[in-house]
Amino acid sequence: MFEPYQEIVGQPVLDELMRLAEALRGRTLQHINSTRSGGGVAEILHRLTPLTEALGIRTQWDVVTGPAEFFEVTKAFHNTLQGDEQELSQEDFDTYLDCLRHNAQRLSPAGDVVMVHDPQPAYLIEHWRRAKARLVWRCHIDVSRPNERVWRFLRHAVRYAHAAVFHVPQFARDLAIPQLIIAPSIDPLSEKNRDLGEAEISAVTDRFGIDRSRPLLVQVSRFDHFKDPLGVIAAYRLVRPTFDCQLVLAGGGAADDPEGEQVLAEVREAADGDPDIFVLELPPDSDLEINALQRAATVILQKSTREGFGLTVTEGLWKGKPVIGGAVGGIPAQIIHGVNGFLVHSPEGAAFRLRFLLTHPHAAERMGTKGREYVRRNFLMTRHLRDYLLLMLTCLYGKGASPLFVQAGVLGLTPFAPPAGSGLA
């Protein structure tokens, strides 16, 4: 299963995975989130779970269930934790707690390490705090400026976890448990990211009526206000009088996102029948279509105003495209301003950078080349897998602040021996 990755990341990376997995022989891992389709978390788990299984670590993936009211509340949690101003009632919190109480009885902490993803299932940690399993809260959203009431509510449960994991350092919070930084990733061999031939790309663009002889701007995202699709349309309208370009806004919904239809309607209204704006509502299994649209793009955008990480930025960079992204959340961890893309703060800023890239195709190509290499080194699934194995080792064998060292060529854990004179003894 890992052989195809050898050509992309090299044998030493795979050897390291094998050694780490050997140290975890017989251990089990469980993931719990709120949906099996739609959004970056589900997408990562679909690819990551078979890989940990292939390394000999039995892996289970469970999903919390609930009525529509529960997901309306958790969507409000999602928005307010990312800084949106919205009031929640005591009834909202009670709806959440009732649903998680039911899920705590329906599910069980079945892994040696249980990774609870995002706020939706977070209170399972409180219910299971006396379980033998090591519980980890894995946060995928930007909680650097949260609504304090919602954060205090969530922190009450998260404090019982053995560790919390965030995408970037600025998301870390006032918690008395260890906090770790692990960036998400893409799988270069998935249908969404594998190499495509020109015929495959054209077959998709032809199906949607896109003219490949003209510049194409593409943003792929869920239809969510924080992704700022209306800001992307505004930027397109600023450059359109000068450049005969087209715009694609492509995305789909998720079972845990009840606002998608409303945002999609707003986007269609803003497009106002412009034949060069393609608003594409894609079903969950549209990985080939997304891959082809990103590869057909002249420039890729992710003009978010709030963002956990923004894996569509990673996808665009991996396809050798310059990316214009909002300077928020995890996007600055991916875009090196002026090197592999541009960070912007407004539709006007996005339009300014679009004009540059559309008039400097060689510079755009150089940026794309650098972006692909940056992703290869930092944001592929093999790195993500390594970090999760290290996280498991830390949870299961770590003792306070003592470092662990997996010795090359030797199976199992060896106490870390600091170099003489390093000041670490």
Protein backbone atom coordinates (compact mmCIF):
# COMPACT_ATOMS: atom_id res chain seq x y z
CA MET A 1 0.00 0.00 0.00
CA PHE A 2 2.91 2.35 0.69
CA GLU A 3 5.00 1.52 -2.38
CA PRO A 4 3.38 4.19 -4.62
CA TYR A 5 4.38 6.86 -2.09
CA GLN A 6 8.06 5.96 -2.41
CA GLU A 7 8.48 7.88 -5.65
CA ILE A 8 6.89 10.98 -4.14
CA VAL A 9 8.39 11.20 -0.63
CA GLY A 10 11.36 8.84 -0.75
CA GLN A 11 12.18 5.58 1.01
CA PRO A 12 13.58 7.16 4.24
CA VAL A 13 10.17 8.66 4.99
CA LEU A 14 8.52 5.25 4.63
CA ASP A 15 11.22 3.56 6.70
CA GLU A 16 10.52 6.01 9.52
CA LEU A 17 6.80 5.18 9.39
CA MET A 18 7.55 1.46 9.64
CA ARG A 19 9.78 1.94 12.68
CA LEU A 20 7.23 4.08 14.48
CA ALA A 21 4.43 1.62 13.69
CA GLU A 22 6.51 -1.26 15.00
CA ALA A 23 6.81 0.57 18.31
CA LEU A 24 2.99 0.70 18.41
CA ARG A 25 2.40 -2.94 17.53
CA GLY A 26 -0.87 -4.21 19.07
CA ARG A 27 -2.15 -0.73 19.85
CA THR A 28 -5.45 0.65 18.54
CA LEU A 29 -6.65 4.06 17.38
CA GLN A 30 -10.17 5.45 17.25
CA HIS A 31 -11.38 8.59 15.48
CA ILE A 32 -14.70 10.27 16.28
CA ASN A 33 -16.14 13.18 14.30
CA SER A 34 -19.53 14.42 13.11
CA THR A 35 -19.81 13.39 9.45
CA ARG A 36 -18.51 10.79 7.02
CA SER A 37 -18.69 13.08 4.00
CA GLY A 38 -18.13 16.74 3.29
CA GLY A 39 -15.36 18.90 4.69
CA GLY A 40 -11.68 18.37 5.28
CA VAL A 41 -11.88 16.21 8.43
CA ALA A 42 -13.94 13.47 6.80
CA GLU A 43 -11.76 13.62 3.72
CA ILE A 44 -8.58 13.16 5.76
CA LEU A 45 -10.04 10.29 7.77
CA HIS A 46 -11.15 8.47 4.61
CA ARG A 47 -7.52 8.43 3.46
CA LEU A 48 -5.70 8.18 6.80
CA THR A 49 -7.67 5.32 8.37
CA PRO A 50 -6.66 2.67 5.78
CA LEU A 51 -3.03 3.77 6.08
CA THR A 52 -2.84 3.29 9.85
CA GLU A 53 -4.57 -0.08 9.35
CA ALA A 54 -1.96 -1.00 6.76
CA LEU A 55 0.74 -0.21 9.32
CA GLY A 56 -0.78 -2.78 11.66
CA ILE A 57 -2.57 -0.34 13.97
CA ARG A 58 -6.22 -1.35 14.19
CA THR A 59 -8.21 1.82 13.51
CA GLN A 60 -11.88 2.50 14.11
CA TRP A 61 -13.82 5.54 12.85
CA ASP A 62 -17.12 6.47 14.53
CA VAL A 63 -19.48 9.36 13.83
CA VAL A 64 -21.80 11.10 16.31
CA THR A 65 -25.44 11.34 15.27
CA GLY A 66 -28.16 13.80 16.18
CA PRO A 67 -31.26 15.67 15.02
CA ALA A 68 -31.15 18.77 12.84
CA GLU A 69 -31.37 20.97 15.97
CA PHE A 70 -28.09 19.50 17.24
CA PHE A 71 -26.23 20.38 14.03
CA GLU A 72 -27.74 23.87 14.02
CA VAL A 73 -26.27 24.36 17.51
CA THR A 74 -22.88 22.91 16.58
CA LYS A 75 -22.76 25.12 13.48
CA ALA A 76 -23.36 28.07 15.82
CA PHE A 77 -20.50 26.77 18.00
CA HIS A 78 -18.32 26.56 14.90
CA ASN A 79 -19.12 30.14 13.89
CA THR A 80 -18.80 31.71 17.33
CA LEU A 81 -15.57 29.89 18.16
CA GLN A 82 -14.15 31.43 14.98
CA GLY A 83 -15.18 34.91 16.12
CA ASP A 84 -18.70 35.34 14.77
CA GLU A 85 -21.03 37.34 16.99
CA GLN A 86 -24.02 35.19 17.74
CA GLU A 87 -25.99 34.60 20.93
CA LEU A 88 -26.72 31.08 22.11
CA SER A 89 -29.47 30.29 24.59
CA GLN A 90 -29.38 27.85 27.50
CA GLU A 91 -31.75 25.71 25.42
CA ASP A 92 -29.06 25.49 22.73
CA PHE A 93 -26.47 24.23 25.23
CA ASP A 94 -29.01 21.74 26.64
CA THR A 95 -29.75 20.44 23.12
CA TYR A 96 -26.03 19.84 22.63
CA LEU A 97 -25.55 18.13 26.00
CA ASP A 98 -28.59 15.87 25.56
CA CYS A 99 -27.36 14.69 22.17
CA LEU A 100 -23.81 14.03 23.39
CA ARG A 101 -25.20 12.14 26.42
CA HIS A 102 -27.04 9.85 24.00
CA ASN A 103 -23.94 9.41 21.84
CA ALA A 104 -21.77 8.63 24.88
CA GLN A 105 -24.10 5.69 25.60
CA ARG A 106 -24.31 4.60 21.95
CA LEU A 107 -20.56 4.71 21.32
CA SER A 108 -17.66 3.62 23.49
CA PRO A 109 -13.98 4.58 23.83
CA ALA A 110 -12.67 1.55 21.92
CA GLY A 111 -9.10 2.59 21.09
CA ASP A 112 -5.95 2.86 23.17
CA VAL A 113 -5.91 6.40 21.82
CA VAL A 114 -9.23 8.09 20.98
CA MET A 115 -9.06 11.20 18.82
CA VAL A 116 -12.16 13.38 19.20
CA HIS A 117 -12.35 15.82 16.30
CA ASP A 118 -13.70 19.36 16.67
CA PRO A 119 -16.41 20.79 18.97
CA GLN A 120 -19.30 18.60 17.80
CA PRO A 121 -18.31 15.45 19.76
CA ALA A 122 -16.11 17.25 22.36
CA TYR A 123 -18.30 16.45 25.39
CA LEU A 124 -17.69 12.74 24.85
CA ILE A 125 -14.38 13.51 26.54
CA GLU A 126 -16.16 14.49 29.76
CA HIS A 127 -18.40 11.39 29.65
CA TRP A 128 -15.40 9.11 29.08
CA ARG A 129 -12.86 10.84 31.30
CA ARG A 130 -12.43 7.76 33.52
CA ALA A 131 -11.92 5.38 30.62
CA LYS A 132 -8.56 3.66 30.11
CA ALA A 133 -8.26 5.16 26.65
CA ARG A 134 -6.05 8.19 26.14
CA LEU A 135 -8.40 10.91 24.91
CA VAL A 136 -7.14 13.59 22.53
CA TRP A 137 -9.11 16.62 21.39
CA ARG A 138 -8.20 17.40 17.78
CA CYS A 139 -9.26 20.95 16.87
CA HIS A 140 -9.56 21.78 13.17
CA ILE A 141 -10.90 25.33 13.44
CA ASP A 142 -9.49 28.75 14.29
CA VAL A 143 -10.16 29.31 18.01
CA SER A 144 -7.71 32.18 18.41
CA ARG A 145 -10.53 34.71 18.96
CA PRO A 146 -13.45 32.69 20.28
CA ASN A 147 -16.72 33.76 21.82
CA GLU A 148 -15.71 33.47 25.48
CA ARG A 149 -18.97 31.92 26.68
CA VAL A 150 -18.83 29.15 24.10
CA TRP A 151 -15.12 28.56 24.67
CA ARG A 152 -15.59 28.28 28.47
CA PHE A 153 -18.35 25.76 27.84
CA LEU A 154 -16.15 23.72 25.51
CA ARG A 155 -13.06 23.98 27.72
CA HIS A 156 -14.96 22.34 30.56
CA ALA A 157 -14.92 19.08 28.55
CA VAL A 158 -11.59 19.49 26.76
CA ARG A 159 -9.68 19.85 30.08
CA TYR A 160 -10.24 16.12 30.69
CA ALA A 161 -8.34 15.16 27.54
CA HIS A 162 -4.74 13.96 27.71
CA ALA A 163 -3.76 16.46 25.04
CA ALA A 164 -5.18 18.97 22.58
CA VAL A 165 -3.94 19.26 19.01
CA PHE A 166 -4.17 22.39 16.88
CA HIS A 167 -3.19 23.23 13.29
CA VAL A 168 -0.99 26.24 14.02
CA PRO A 169 0.53 27.74 17.22
CA GLN A 170 -1.74 30.79 17.37
CA PHE A 171 -4.79 28.52 17.85
CA ALA A 172 -3.49 27.15 21.18
CA ARG A 173 -5.59 28.16 24.19
CA ASP A 174 -5.46 28.52 27.96
CA LEU A 175 -5.51 24.82 28.78
CA ALA A 176 -3.72 22.94 31.55
CA ILE A 177 -3.13 19.92 29.31
CA PRO A 178 -0.35 19.42 26.74
CA GLN A 179 -1.00 21.20 23.47
CA LEU A 180 0.57 20.02 20.23
CA ILE A 181 0.74 21.42 16.72
CA ILE A 182 0.00 19.05 13.82
CA ALA A 183 -0.89 20.45 10.41
CA PRO A 184 -3.43 18.56 8.26
CA SER A 185 -2.51 17.12 4.89
CA ILE A 186 -3.58 15.90 1.47
CA ASP A 187 -3.05 12.50 -0.09
CA PRO A 188 -1.16 12.91 -3.39
CA LEU A 189 -2.54 9.57 -4.61
CA SER A 190 -6.21 10.32 -3.98
CA GLU A 191 -8.62 10.92 -6.84
CA LYS A 192 -8.66 14.60 -5.90
CA ASN A 193 -4.90 15.02 -6.10
CA ARG A 194 -3.46 12.41 -8.47
CA ASP A 195 -1.90 13.56 -11.72
CA LEU A 196 -4.37 13.97 -14.60
CA GLY A 197 -3.85 13.99 -18.35
CA GLU A 198 -5.02 16.89 -20.49
CA ALA A 199 -7.82 14.77 -21.91
CA GLU A 200 -9.21 14.10 -18.43
CA ILE A 201 -9.04 17.80 -17.52
CA SER A 202 -10.72 18.92 -20.74
CA ALA A 203 -13.46 16.30 -20.40
CA VAL A 204 -14.48 17.92 -17.11
CA THR A 205 -14.19 21.56 -18.22
CA ASP A 206 -16.07 20.80 -21.44
CA ARG A 207 -18.87 19.22 -19.43
CA PHE A 208 -19.30 22.46 -17.49
CA GLY A 209 -18.96 24.67 -20.58
CA ILE A 210 -15.70 26.27 -19.46
CA ASP A 211 -13.53 27.84 -22.18
CA ARG A 212 -9.91 26.73 -21.57
CA SER A 213 -8.55 29.30 -24.02
CA ARG A 214 -9.33 32.06 -21.51
CA PRO A 215 -7.88 32.58 -17.98
CA LEU A 216 -9.74 30.70 -15.28
CA LEU A 217 -9.99 31.70 -11.62
CA VAL A 218 -11.09 28.89 -9.28
CA GLN A 219 -12.18 28.72 -5.65
CA VAL A 220 -13.24 25.33 -4.30
CA SER A 221 -14.92 25.43 -0.90
CA ARG A 222 -18.02 24.61 1.01
CA PHE A 223 -20.61 27.36 0.56
CA ASP A 224 -19.88 29.09 3.85
CA HIS A 225 -19.77 32.80 4.71
CA PHE A 226 -16.30 32.38 6.21
CA LYS A 227 -15.01 31.21 2.80
CA ASP A 228 -16.10 34.61 1.44
CA PRO A 229 -17.45 33.53 -1.97
CA LEU A 230 -19.12 36.93 -2.34
CA GLY A 231 -15.71 38.58 -1.83
CA VAL A 232 -14.31 36.39 -4.61
CA ILE A 233 -17.07 37.53 -6.96
CA ALA A 234 -16.29 41.14 -6.02
CA ALA A 235 -12.59 40.61 -6.82
CA TYR A 236 -13.48 38.97 -10.15
CA ARG A 237 -15.69 41.93 -11.07
CA LEU A 238 -12.80 44.32 -10.38
CA VAL A 239 -10.48 42.53 -12.84
CA ARG A 240 -13.10 41.48 -15.41
CA PRO A 241 -13.17 44.84 -17.31
CA THR A 242 -9.44 44.41 -18.07
CA PHE A 243 -9.10 40.63 -18.38
CA ASP A 244 -11.40 38.34 -20.34
CA CYS A 245 -11.42 35.75 -17.56
CA GLN A 246 -13.86 33.26 -16.06
CA LEU A 247 -14.62 32.37 -12.45
CA VAL A 248 -15.51 28.99 -10.95
CA LEU A 249 -16.96 28.74 -7.45
CA ALA A 250 -17.29 25.03 -6.78
CA GLY A 251 -18.32 23.27 -3.61
CA GLY A 252 -20.75 21.04 -1.87
CA GLY A 253 -22.51 20.64 1.41
CA ALA A 254 -21.86 18.56 4.49
CA ALA A 255 -24.25 16.71 6.76
CA ASP A 256 -23.14 18.82 9.74
CA ASP A 257 -23.54 22.18 7.94
CA PRO A 258 -27.16 23.39 7.78
CA GLU A 259 -26.22 26.84 6.37
CA GLY A 260 -24.87 25.67 3.03
CA GLU A 261 -28.07 26.07 1.00
CA GLN A 262 -28.62 29.60 2.19
CA VAL A 263 -25.07 30.68 1.30
CA LEU A 264 -25.33 28.95 -2.08
CA ALA A 265 -28.51 30.94 -2.84
CA GLU A 266 -26.69 34.18 -1.93
CA VAL A 267 -23.80 33.27 -4.23
CA ARG A 268 -26.14 32.55 -7.15
CA GLU A 269 -27.90 35.84 -6.60
CA ALA A 270 -24.56 37.69 -6.54
CA ALA A 271 -23.47 35.95 -9.78
CA ASP A 272 -26.56 37.57 -11.33
CA GLY A 273 -26.59 35.40 -14.43
CA ASP A 274 -23.04 36.29 -15.54
CA PRO A 275 -22.23 33.57 -18.13
CA ASP A 276 -18.56 33.63 -17.11
CA ILE A 277 -19.29 32.85 -13.45
CA PHE A 278 -19.77 29.13 -12.89
CA VAL A 279 -21.42 28.32 -9.56
CA LEU A 280 -21.10 24.56 -9.27
CA GLU A 281 -22.83 22.60 -6.53
CA LEU A 282 -20.96 19.33 -6.60
CA PRO A 283 -21.95 16.04 -4.93
CA PRO A 284 -19.58 14.54 -2.31
CA ASP A 285 -17.98 12.12 -4.79
CA SER A 286 -16.74 14.87 -7.13
CA ASP A 287 -13.04 14.45 -6.44
CA LEU A 288 -12.15 14.01 -10.12
CA GLU A 289 -14.09 17.15 -11.06
CA ILE A 290 -12.37 19.21 -8.33
CA ASN A 291 -8.98 17.88 -9.36
CA ALA A 292 -9.59 18.81 -13.01
CA LEU A 293 -10.94 22.29 -12.19
CA GLN A 294 -7.92 23.07 -10.01
CA ARG A 295 -5.53 21.82 -12.69
CA ALA A 296 -7.34 23.87 -15.36
CA ALA A 297 -7.09 27.02 -13.21
CA THR A 298 -4.81 29.93 -14.05
CA VAL A 299 -5.01 31.13 -10.44
CA ILE A 300 -6.57 29.46 -7.41
CA LEU A 301 -8.21 31.47 -4.65
CA GLN A 302 -9.15 30.74 -1.07
CA LYS A 303 -10.22 34.15 0.13
CA SER A 304 -11.42 33.09 3.56
CA THR A 305 -12.15 35.54 6.37
CA ARG A 306 -11.84 32.74 8.97
CA GLU A 307 -10.17 29.44 8.33
CA GLY A 308 -9.05 26.39 10.28
CA PHE A 309 -6.39 25.45 7.75
CA GLY A 310 -7.77 25.57 4.22
CA LEU A 311 -6.75 22.33 2.55
CA THR A 312 -7.87 23.68 -0.82
CA VAL A 313 -4.80 25.93 -0.59
CA THR A 314 -2.64 22.83 -0.18
CA GLU A 315 -4.43 21.18 -3.11
CA GLY A 316 -3.86 24.20 -5.35
CA LEU A 317 -0.18 24.47 -4.46
CA TRP A 318 0.32 20.74 -5.05
CA LYS A 319 -1.07 21.21 -8.58
CA GLY A 320 1.58 23.81 -9.29
CA LYS A 321 -0.73 26.82 -9.20
CA PRO A 322 -0.17 30.19 -7.53
CA VAL A 323 -2.72 30.64 -4.77
CA ILE A 324 -4.27 33.84 -3.45
CA GLY A 325 -5.54 33.29 0.07
CA GLY A 326 -7.01 35.27 2.93
CA ALA A 327 -4.37 36.05 5.58
CA VAL A 328 -6.28 34.16 8.26
CA GLY A 329 -6.12 30.90 10.22
CA GLY A 330 -3.84 28.27 8.75
CA ILE A 331 -3.52 29.84 5.30
CA PRO A 332 -0.37 31.88 6.15
CA ALA A 333 1.27 28.58 7.18
CA GLN A 334 0.91 27.46 3.56
CA ILE A 335 1.27 30.58 1.44
CA ILE A 336 4.66 32.29 1.63
CA HIS A 337 3.70 35.74 0.46
CA GLY A 338 5.33 36.55 -2.86
CA VAL A 339 6.96 33.11 -3.12
CA ASN A 340 4.21 30.58 -3.84
CA GLY A 341 1.22 32.93 -3.76
CA PHE A 342 -0.18 36.00 -2.09
CA LEU A 343 -1.96 36.74 1.18
CA VAL A 344 -4.76 39.28 0.97
CA HIS A 345 -7.17 41.08 3.29
CA SER A 346 -9.89 42.34 0.95
CA PRO A 347 -11.52 41.87 -2.46
CA GLU A 348 -9.48 44.85 -3.68
CA GLY A 349 -6.28 43.17 -2.48
CA ALA A 350 -7.25 39.95 -4.23
CA ALA A 351 -7.98 41.86 -7.45
CA PHE A 352 -4.59 43.59 -7.24
CA ARG A 353 -2.78 40.24 -7.01
CA LEU A 354 -4.95 38.71 -9.72
CA ARG A 355 -3.91 41.46 -12.12
CA PHE A 356 -0.24 40.75 -11.38
CA LEU A 357 -0.53 37.01 -11.90
CA LEU A 358 -2.60 37.36 -15.08
CA THR A 359 -0.01 39.71 -16.59
CA HIS A 360 3.09 37.80 -15.38
CA PRO A 361 2.57 34.16 -16.43
CA HIS A 362 6.23 33.22 -15.95
CA ALA A 363 6.22 34.52 -12.38
CA ALA A 364 2.98 32.62 -11.79
CA GLU A 365 4.59 29.44 -13.10
CA ARG A 366 7.63 29.86 -10.81
CA MET A 367 5.34 30.37 -7.84
CA GLY A 368 3.46 27.21 -8.73
CA THR A 369 6.67 25.18 -8.90
CA LYS A 370 7.76 26.40 -5.48
CA GLY A 371 4.34 25.75 -4.03
CA ARG A 372 4.32 22.11 -5.10
CA GLU A 373 7.70 21.50 -3.48
CA TYR A 374 6.60 23.26 -0.29
CA VAL A 375 3.63 20.92 -0.04
CA ARG A 376 5.81 17.88 -0.72
CA ARG A 377 7.97 18.75 2.26
CA ASN A 378 5.27 19.78 4.69
CA PHE A 379 1.69 18.85 3.92
CA LEU A 380 1.47 15.35 2.48
CA MET A 381 -0.30 12.51 4.27
CA THR A 382 2.89 10.61 5.06
CA ARG A 383 4.04 13.50 7.30
CA HIS A 384 0.58 13.62 8.90
CA LEU A 385 0.68 9.89 9.52
CA ARG A 386 4.14 10.17 11.14
CA ASP A 387 2.88 12.92 13.44
CA TYR A 388 -0.12 10.86 14.55
CA LEU A 389 2.11 7.88 15.32
CA LEU A 390 4.35 10.14 17.39
CA LEU A 391 1.28 11.51 19.13
CA MET A 392 0.17 7.99 20.01
CA LEU A 393 3.62 7.18 21.37
CA THR A 394 3.59 10.36 23.44
CA CYS A 395 0.13 9.63 24.86
CA LEU A 396 0.89 6.00 25.65
CA TYR A 397 4.50 6.20 26.81
CA GLY A 398 5.31 9.84 27.45
CA LYS A 399 6.09 10.89 31.01
CA GLY A 400 5.58 14.57 31.56
CA ALA A 401 8.10 16.68 29.73
CA SER A 402 10.56 13.81 29.14
CA PRO A 403 11.27 13.44 25.39
CA LEU A 404 10.95 10.07 23.67
CA PHE A 405 13.33 8.76 21.08
CA VAL A 406 12.66 5.96 18.61
CA GLN A 407 16.13 4.72 17.75
CA ALA A 408 16.85 4.18 14.06
CA GLY A 409 17.02 0.50 13.24
CA VAL A 410 15.88 -0.59 16.70
CA LEU A 411 12.28 -1.38 17.52
CA GLY A 412 10.74 0.17 20.58
CA LEU A 413 11.38 3.25 22.65
CA THR A 414 14.71 4.29 24.00
CA PRO A 415 15.23 7.01 26.62
CA PHE A 416 16.38 10.24 25.05
CA ALA A 417 20.06 10.95 25.79
CA PRO A 418 20.82 14.67 25.43
CA PRO A 419 24.16 15.53 23.83
CA ALA A 420 26.93 16.46 26.24
CA GLY A 421 27.00 20.18 26.85
CA SER A 422 23.57 20.73 25.34
CA GLY A 423 22.17 21.97 28.64
CA LEU A 424 19.29 19.48 28.40
CA ALA A 425 20.66 16.98 30.95
